[in-house]
Amino acid sequence: MMSDIQNIEIERYHDKIVKDLRHLIEKYREIMAWDVPENDPVEADRLIFEAIQSGLAEIEKAEKTR
């Protein structure tokens, strides 16, 4: 069954996806630290995670309407 093959394949990529996401988060942590004079790292993380989740939801919604 194709979905079984897809599940196996995505499991192979899971660690890479997590690594890519960590890199993306770190990128925006650095940007926030440079661009916001009184940066609060905890608040910056909250905002970054919120933006990523919102972006993923937006992409997922757009993909479902294709």
PDB file of N, CA and C in Angstrom:
ATOM      1  N   MET A   1       0.849  -1.185   0.000  1.00  0.00           N
ATOM      2  CA  MET A   1       0.000   0.000   0.000  1.00  0.00           C
ATOM      3  C   MET A   1       0.891   1.243   0.000  1.00  0.00           C
ATOM      4  N   MET A   2       0.555   2.221  -0.814  1.00  0.00           N
ATOM      5  CA  MET A   2       1.388   3.407  -0.991  1.00  0.00           C
ATOM      6  C   MET A   2       1.548   4.202   0.294  1.00  0.00           C
ATOM      7  N   SER A   3       0.497   4.330   1.082  1.00  0.00           N
ATOM      8  CA  SER A   3       0.634   5.138   2.295  1.00  0.00           C
ATOM      9  C   SER A   3       1.613   4.510   3.282  1.00  0.00           C
ATOM     10  N   ASP A   4       1.698   3.171   3.307  1.00  0.00           N
ATOM     11  CA  ASP A   4       2.688   2.515   4.161  1.00  0.00           C
ATOM     12  C   ASP A   4       4.097   2.895   3.728  1.00  0.00           C
ATOM     13  N   ILE A   5       4.320   2.898   2.434  1.00  0.00           N
ATOM     14  CA  ILE A   5       5.624   3.280   1.897  1.00  0.00           C
ATOM     15  C   ILE A   5       5.911   4.743   2.240  1.00  0.00           C
ATOM     16  N   GLN A   6       4.911   5.590   2.101  1.00  0.00           N
ATOM     17  CA  GLN A   6       5.083   7.010   2.435  1.00  0.00           C
ATOM     18  C   GLN A   6       5.395   7.189   3.916  1.00  0.00           C
ATOM     19  N   ASN A   7       4.723   6.428   4.779  1.00  0.00           N
ATOM     20  CA  ASN A   7       4.987   6.519   6.222  1.00  0.00           C
ATOM     21  C   ASN A   7       6.411   6.105   6.550  1.00  0.00           C
ATOM     22  N   ILE A   8       6.864   5.043   5.924  1.00  0.00           N
ATOM     23  CA  ILE A   8       8.244   4.594   6.137  1.00  0.00           C
ATOM     24  C   ILE A   8       9.218   5.664   5.655  1.00  0.00           C
ATOM     25  N   GLU A   9       8.923   6.231   4.498  1.00  0.00           N
ATOM     26  CA  GLU A   9       9.808   7.242   3.926  1.00  0.00           C
ATOM     27  C   GLU A   9       9.868   8.495   4.804  1.00  0.00           C
ATOM     28  N   ILE A  10       8.726   8.965   5.288  1.00  0.00           N
ATOM     29  CA  ILE A  10       8.733  10.181   6.106  1.00  0.00           C
ATOM     30  C   ILE A  10       9.434   9.925   7.439  1.00  0.00           C
ATOM     31  N   GLU A  11       9.330   8.720   7.959  1.00  0.00           N
ATOM     32  CA  GLU A  11      10.060   8.378   9.182  1.00  0.00           C
ATOM     33  C   GLU A  11      11.567   8.510   8.960  1.00  0.00           C
ATOM     34  N   ARG A  12      12.016   8.155   7.779  1.00  0.00           N
ATOM     35  CA  ARG A  12      13.442   8.286   7.446  1.00  0.00           C
ATOM     36  C   ARG A  12      13.871   9.751   7.459  1.00  0.00           C
ATOM     37  N   TYR A  13      12.950  10.651   7.112  1.00  0.00           N
ATOM     38  CA  TYR A  13      13.278  12.078   7.030  1.00  0.00           C
ATOM     39  C   TYR A  13      13.001  12.850   8.309  1.00  0.00           C
ATOM     40  N   HIS A  14      12.380  12.210   9.288  1.00  0.00           N
ATOM     41  CA  HIS A  14      11.967  12.917  10.506  1.00  0.00           C
ATOM     42  C   HIS A  14      13.111  13.687  11.163  1.00  0.00           C
ATOM     43  N   ASP A  15      14.227  13.017  11.393  1.00  0.00           N
ATOM     44  CA  ASP A  15      15.355  13.682  12.061  1.00  0.00           C
ATOM     45  C   ASP A  15      15.865  14.863  11.244  1.00  0.00           C
ATOM     46  N   LYS A  16      15.881  14.733   9.929  1.00  0.00           N
ATOM     47  CA  LYS A  16      16.320  15.825   9.048  1.00  0.00           C
ATOM     48  C   LYS A  16      15.349  17.001   9.127  1.00  0.00           C
ATOM     49  N   ILE A  17      14.070  16.709   9.158  1.00  0.00           N
ATOM     50  CA  ILE A  17      13.061  17.771   9.273  1.00  0.00           C
ATOM     51  C   ILE A  17      13.232  18.514  10.595  1.00  0.00           C
ATOM     52  N   VAL A  18      13.420  17.769  11.682  1.00  0.00           N
ATOM     53  CA  VAL A  18      13.620  18.394  12.996  1.00  0.00           C
ATOM     54  C   VAL A  18      14.883  19.252  12.978  1.00  0.00           C
ATOM     55  N   LYS A  19      15.944  18.730  12.390  1.00  0.00           N
ATOM     56  CA  LYS A  19      17.198  19.488  12.292  1.00  0.00           C
ATOM     57  C   LYS A  19      16.988  20.779  11.499  1.00  0.00           C
ATOM     58  N   ASP A  20      16.276  20.694  10.382  1.00  0.00           N
ATOM     59  CA  ASP A  20      15.994  21.878   9.573  1.00  0.00           C
ATOM     60  C   ASP A  20      15.178  22.906  10.356  1.00  0.00           C
ATOM     61  N   LEU A  21      14.188  22.430  11.108  1.00  0.00           N
ATOM     62  CA  LEU A  21      13.368  23.334  11.910  1.00  0.00           C
ATOM     63  C   LEU A  21      14.193  24.004  13.011  1.00  0.00           C
ATOM     64  N   ARG A  22      15.061  23.233  13.654  1.00  0.00           N
ATOM     65  CA  ARG A  22      15.935  23.823  14.684  1.00  0.00           C
ATOM     66  C   ARG A  22      16.814  24.920  14.079  1.00  0.00           C
ATOM     67  N   HIS A  23      17.323  24.664  12.883  1.00  0.00           N
ATOM     68  CA  HIS A  23      18.156  25.653  12.194  1.00  0.00           C
ATOM     69  C   HIS A  23      17.340  26.912  11.894  1.00  0.00           C
ATOM     70  N   LEU A  24      16.114  26.733  11.431  1.00  0.00           N
ATOM     71  CA  LEU A  24      15.231  27.866  11.133  1.00  0.00           C
ATOM     72  C   LEU A  24      14.947  28.682  12.397  1.00  0.00           C
ATOM     73  N   ILE A  25      14.664  27.996  13.498  1.00  0.00           N
ATOM     74  CA  ILE A  25      14.400  28.678  14.771  1.00  0.00           C
ATOM     75  C   ILE A  25      15.635  29.452  15.219  1.00  0.00           C
ATOM     76  N   GLU A  26      16.794  28.829  15.133  1.00  0.00           N
ATOM     77  CA  GLU A  26      18.034  29.501  15.539  1.00  0.00           C
ATOM     78  C   GLU A  26      18.306  30.727  14.672  1.00  0.00           C
ATOM     79  N   LYS A  27      18.023  30.613  13.391  1.00  0.00           N
ATOM     80  CA  LYS A  27      18.193  31.747  12.467  1.00  0.00           C
ATOM     81  C   LYS A  27      17.375  32.949  12.952  1.00  0.00           C
ATOM     82  N   TYR A  28      16.115  32.715  13.281  1.00  0.00           N
ATOM     83  CA  TYR A  28      15.258  33.823  13.705  1.00  0.00           C
ATOM     84  C   TYR A  28      15.561  34.277  15.132  1.00  0.00           C
ATOM     85  N   ARG A  29      16.094  33.397  15.977  1.00  0.00           N
ATOM     86  CA  ARG A  29      16.560  33.826  17.297  1.00  0.00           C
ATOM     87  C   ARG A  29      17.687  34.854  17.131  1.00  0.00           C
ATOM     88  N   GLU A  30      18.615  34.548  16.243  1.00  0.00           N
ATOM     89  CA  GLU A  30      19.735  35.462  16.005  1.00  0.00           C
ATOM     90  C   GLU A  30      19.249  36.787  15.430  1.00  0.00           C
ATOM     91  N   ILE A  31      18.318  36.735  14.496  1.00  0.00           N
ATOM     92  CA  ILE A  31      17.772  37.962  13.909  1.00  0.00           C
ATOM     93  C   ILE A  31      17.093  38.800  14.976  1.00  0.00           C
ATOM     94  N   MET A  32      16.273  38.159  15.811  1.00  0.00           N
ATOM     95  CA  MET A  32      15.582  38.891  16.882  1.00  0.00           C
ATOM     96  C   MET A  32      16.593  39.508  17.851  1.00  0.00           C
ATOM     97  N   ALA A  33      17.635  38.758  18.185  1.00  0.00           N
ATOM     98  CA  ALA A  33      18.649  39.266  19.125  1.00  0.00           C
ATOM     99  C   ALA A  33      19.361  40.495  18.559  1.00  0.00           C
ATOM    100  N   TRP A  34      19.620  40.497  17.258  1.00  0.00           N
ATOM    101  CA  TRP A  34      20.296  41.633  16.620  1.00  0.00           C
ATOM    102  C   TRP A  34      19.354  42.822  16.421  1.00  0.00           C
ATOM    103  N   ASP A  35      18.113  42.542  16.028  1.00  0.00           N
ATOM    104  CA  ASP A  35      17.196  43.609  15.627  1.00  0.00           C
ATOM    105  C   ASP A  35      16.390  44.229  16.762  1.00  0.00           C
ATOM    106  N   VAL A  36      16.286  43.533  17.881  1.00  0.00           N
ATOM    107  CA  VAL A  36      15.466  44.024  18.997  1.00  0.00           C
ATOM    108  C   VAL A  36      16.401  44.360  20.152  1.00  0.00           C
ATOM    109  N   PRO A  37      16.587  45.661  20.428  1.00  0.00           N
ATOM    110  CA  PRO A  37      17.561  46.078  21.448  1.00  0.00           C
ATOM    111  C   PRO A  37      17.383  45.411  22.814  1.00  0.00           C
ATOM    112  N   GLU A  38      16.175  45.318  23.296  1.00  0.00           N
ATOM    113  CA  GLU A  38      15.942  44.712  24.608  1.00  0.00           C
ATOM    114  C   GLU A  38      15.228  43.377  24.446  1.00  0.00           C
ATOM    115  N   ASN A  39      15.805  42.538  23.626  1.00  0.00           N
ATOM    116  CA  ASN A  39      15.211  41.249  23.294  1.00  0.00           C
ATOM    117  C   ASN A  39      15.039  40.364  24.531  1.00  0.00           C
ATOM    118  N   ASP A  40      13.839  39.841  24.697  1.00  0.00           N
ATOM    119  CA  ASP A  40      13.545  38.853  25.738  1.00  0.00           C
ATOM    120  C   ASP A  40      13.540  37.497  25.036  1.00  0.00           C
ATOM    121  N   PRO A  41      14.550  36.653  25.281  1.00  0.00           N
ATOM    122  CA  PRO A  41      14.655  35.387  24.553  1.00  0.00           C
ATOM    123  C   PRO A  41      13.440  34.467  24.705  1.00  0.00           C
ATOM    124  N   VAL A  42      12.827  34.468  25.872  1.00  0.00           N
ATOM    125  CA  VAL A  42      11.650  33.615  26.088  1.00  0.00           C
ATOM    126  C   VAL A  42      10.488  34.113  25.219  1.00  0.00           C
ATOM    127  N   GLU A  43      10.277  35.418  25.206  1.00  0.00           N
ATOM    128  CA  GLU A  43       9.216  36.001  24.383  1.00  0.00           C
ATOM    129  C   GLU A  43       9.549  35.843  22.898  1.00  0.00           C
ATOM    130  N   ALA A  44      10.812  35.998  22.548  1.00  0.00           N
ATOM    131  CA  ALA A  44      11.222  35.820  21.148  1.00  0.00           C
ATOM    132  C   ALA A  44      10.914  34.396  20.689  1.00  0.00           C
ATOM    133  N   ASP A  45      11.227  33.403  21.520  1.00  0.00           N
ATOM    134  CA  ASP A  45      10.916  32.015  21.171  1.00  0.00           C
ATOM    135  C   ASP A  45       9.415  31.822  20.989  1.00  0.00           C
ATOM    136  N   ARG A  46       8.632  32.377  21.890  1.00  0.00           N
ATOM    137  CA  ARG A  46       7.175  32.244  21.790  1.00  0.00           C
ATOM    138  C   ARG A  46       6.690  32.808  20.456  1.00  0.00           C
ATOM    139  N   LEU A  47       7.193  33.992  20.096  1.00  0.00           N
ATOM    140  CA  LEU A  47       6.786  34.630  18.850  1.00  0.00           C
ATOM    141  C   LEU A  47       7.258  33.848  17.621  1.00  0.00           C
ATOM    142  N   ILE A  48       8.462  33.337  17.683  1.00  0.00           N
ATOM    143  CA  ILE A  48       9.000  32.557  16.567  1.00  0.00           C
ATOM    144  C   ILE A  48       8.185  31.276  16.381  1.00  0.00           C
ATOM    145  N   PHE A  49       7.931  30.549  17.471  1.00  0.00           N
ATOM    146  CA  PHE A  49       7.140  29.317  17.375  1.00  0.00           C
ATOM    147  C   PHE A  49       5.737  29.614  16.860  1.00  0.00           C
ATOM    148  N   GLU A  50       5.156  30.694  17.325  1.00  0.00           N
ATOM    149  CA  GLU A  50       3.823  31.090  16.881  1.00  0.00           C
ATOM    150  C   GLU A  50       3.832  31.392  15.376  1.00  0.00           C
ATOM    151  N   ALA A  51       4.846  32.112  14.915  1.00  0.00           N
ATOM    152  CA  ALA A  51       4.945  32.448  13.497  1.00  0.00           C
ATOM    153  C   ALA A  51       5.137  31.188  12.644  1.00  0.00           C
ATOM    154  N   ILE A  52       5.943  30.253  13.118  1.00  0.00           N
ATOM    155  CA  ILE A  52       6.167  29.011  12.373  1.00  0.00           C
ATOM    156  C   ILE A  52       4.879  28.192  12.315  1.00  0.00           C
ATOM    157  N   GLN A  53       4.190  28.071  13.445  1.00  0.00           N
ATOM    158  CA  GLN A  53       2.932  27.312  13.466  1.00  0.00           C
ATOM    159  C   GLN A  53       1.890  27.957  12.557  1.00  0.00           C
ATOM    160  N   SER A  54       1.810  29.278  12.591  1.00  0.00           N
ATOM    161  CA  SER A  54       0.876  29.998  11.732  1.00  0.00           C
ATOM    162  C   SER A  54       1.229  29.799  10.258  1.00  0.00           C
ATOM    163  N   GLY A  55       2.514  29.875   9.968  1.00  0.00           N
ATOM    164  CA  GLY A  55       2.969  29.674   8.588  1.00  0.00           C
ATOM    165  C   GLY A  55       2.678  28.269   8.094  1.00  0.00           C
ATOM    166  N   LEU A  56       2.906  27.270   8.939  1.00  0.00           N
ATOM    167  CA  LEU A  56       2.607  25.886   8.564  1.00  0.00           C
ATOM    168  C   LEU A  56       1.110  25.698   8.320  1.00  0.00           C
ATOM    169  N   ALA A  57       0.278  26.287   9.171  1.00  0.00           N
ATOM    170  CA  ALA A  57      -1.175  26.185   9.001  1.00  0.00           C
ATOM    171  C   ALA A  57      -1.601  26.839   7.691  1.00  0.00           C
ATOM    172  N   GLU A  58      -0.996  27.978   7.368  1.00  0.00           N
ATOM    173  CA  GLU A  58      -1.307  28.683   6.123  1.00  0.00           C
ATOM    174  C   GLU A  58      -0.924  27.832   4.903  1.00  0.00           C
ATOM    175  N   ILE A  59       0.254  27.239   4.959  1.00  0.00           N
ATOM    176  CA  ILE A  59       0.712  26.386   3.860  1.00  0.00           C
ATOM    177  C   ILE A  59      -0.182  25.150   3.738  1.00  0.00           C
ATOM    178  N   GLU A  60      -0.498  24.533   4.879  1.00  0.00           N
ATOM    179  CA  GLU A  60      -1.342  23.336   4.858  1.00  0.00           C
ATOM    180  C   GLU A  60      -2.711  23.648   4.261  1.00  0.00           C
ATOM    181  N   LYS A  61      -3.294  24.774   4.655  1.00  0.00           N
ATOM    182  CA  LYS A  61      -4.583  25.171   4.136  1.00  0.00           C
ATOM    183  C   LYS A  61      -4.518  25.394   2.619  1.00  0.00           C
ATOM    184  N   ALA A  62      -3.482  26.067   2.161  1.00  0.00           N
ATOM    185  CA  ALA A  62      -3.323  26.319   0.732  1.00  0.00           C
ATOM    186  C   ALA A  62      -3.144  25.013  -0.049  1.00  0.00           C
ATOM    187  N   GLU A  63      -2.425  24.066   0.539  1.00  0.00           N
ATOM    188  CA  GLU A  63      -2.191  22.785  -0.133  1.00  0.00           C
ATOM    189  C   GLU A  63      -3.488  21.976  -0.252  1.00  0.00           C
ATOM    190  N   LYS A  64      -4.355  22.095   0.736  1.00  0.00           N
ATOM    191  CA  LYS A  64      -5.617  21.337   0.708  1.00  0.00           C
ATOM    192  C   LYS A  64      -6.566  21.863  -0.350  1.00  0.00           C
ATOM    193  N   THR A  65      -6.407  23.113  -0.735  1.00  0.00           N
ATOM    194  CA  THR A  65      -7.301  23.703  -1.741  1.00  0.00           C
ATOM    195  C   THR A  65      -6.747  23.578  -3.154  1.00  0.00           C
ATOM    196  N   ARG A  66      -5.611  22.933  -3.302  1.00  0.00           N
ATOM    197  CA  ARG A  66      -5.041  22.749  -4.647  1.00  0.00           C
ATOM    198  C   ARG A  66      -5.771  21.681  -5.390  1.00  0.00           C
TER     199      ARG A  66
END
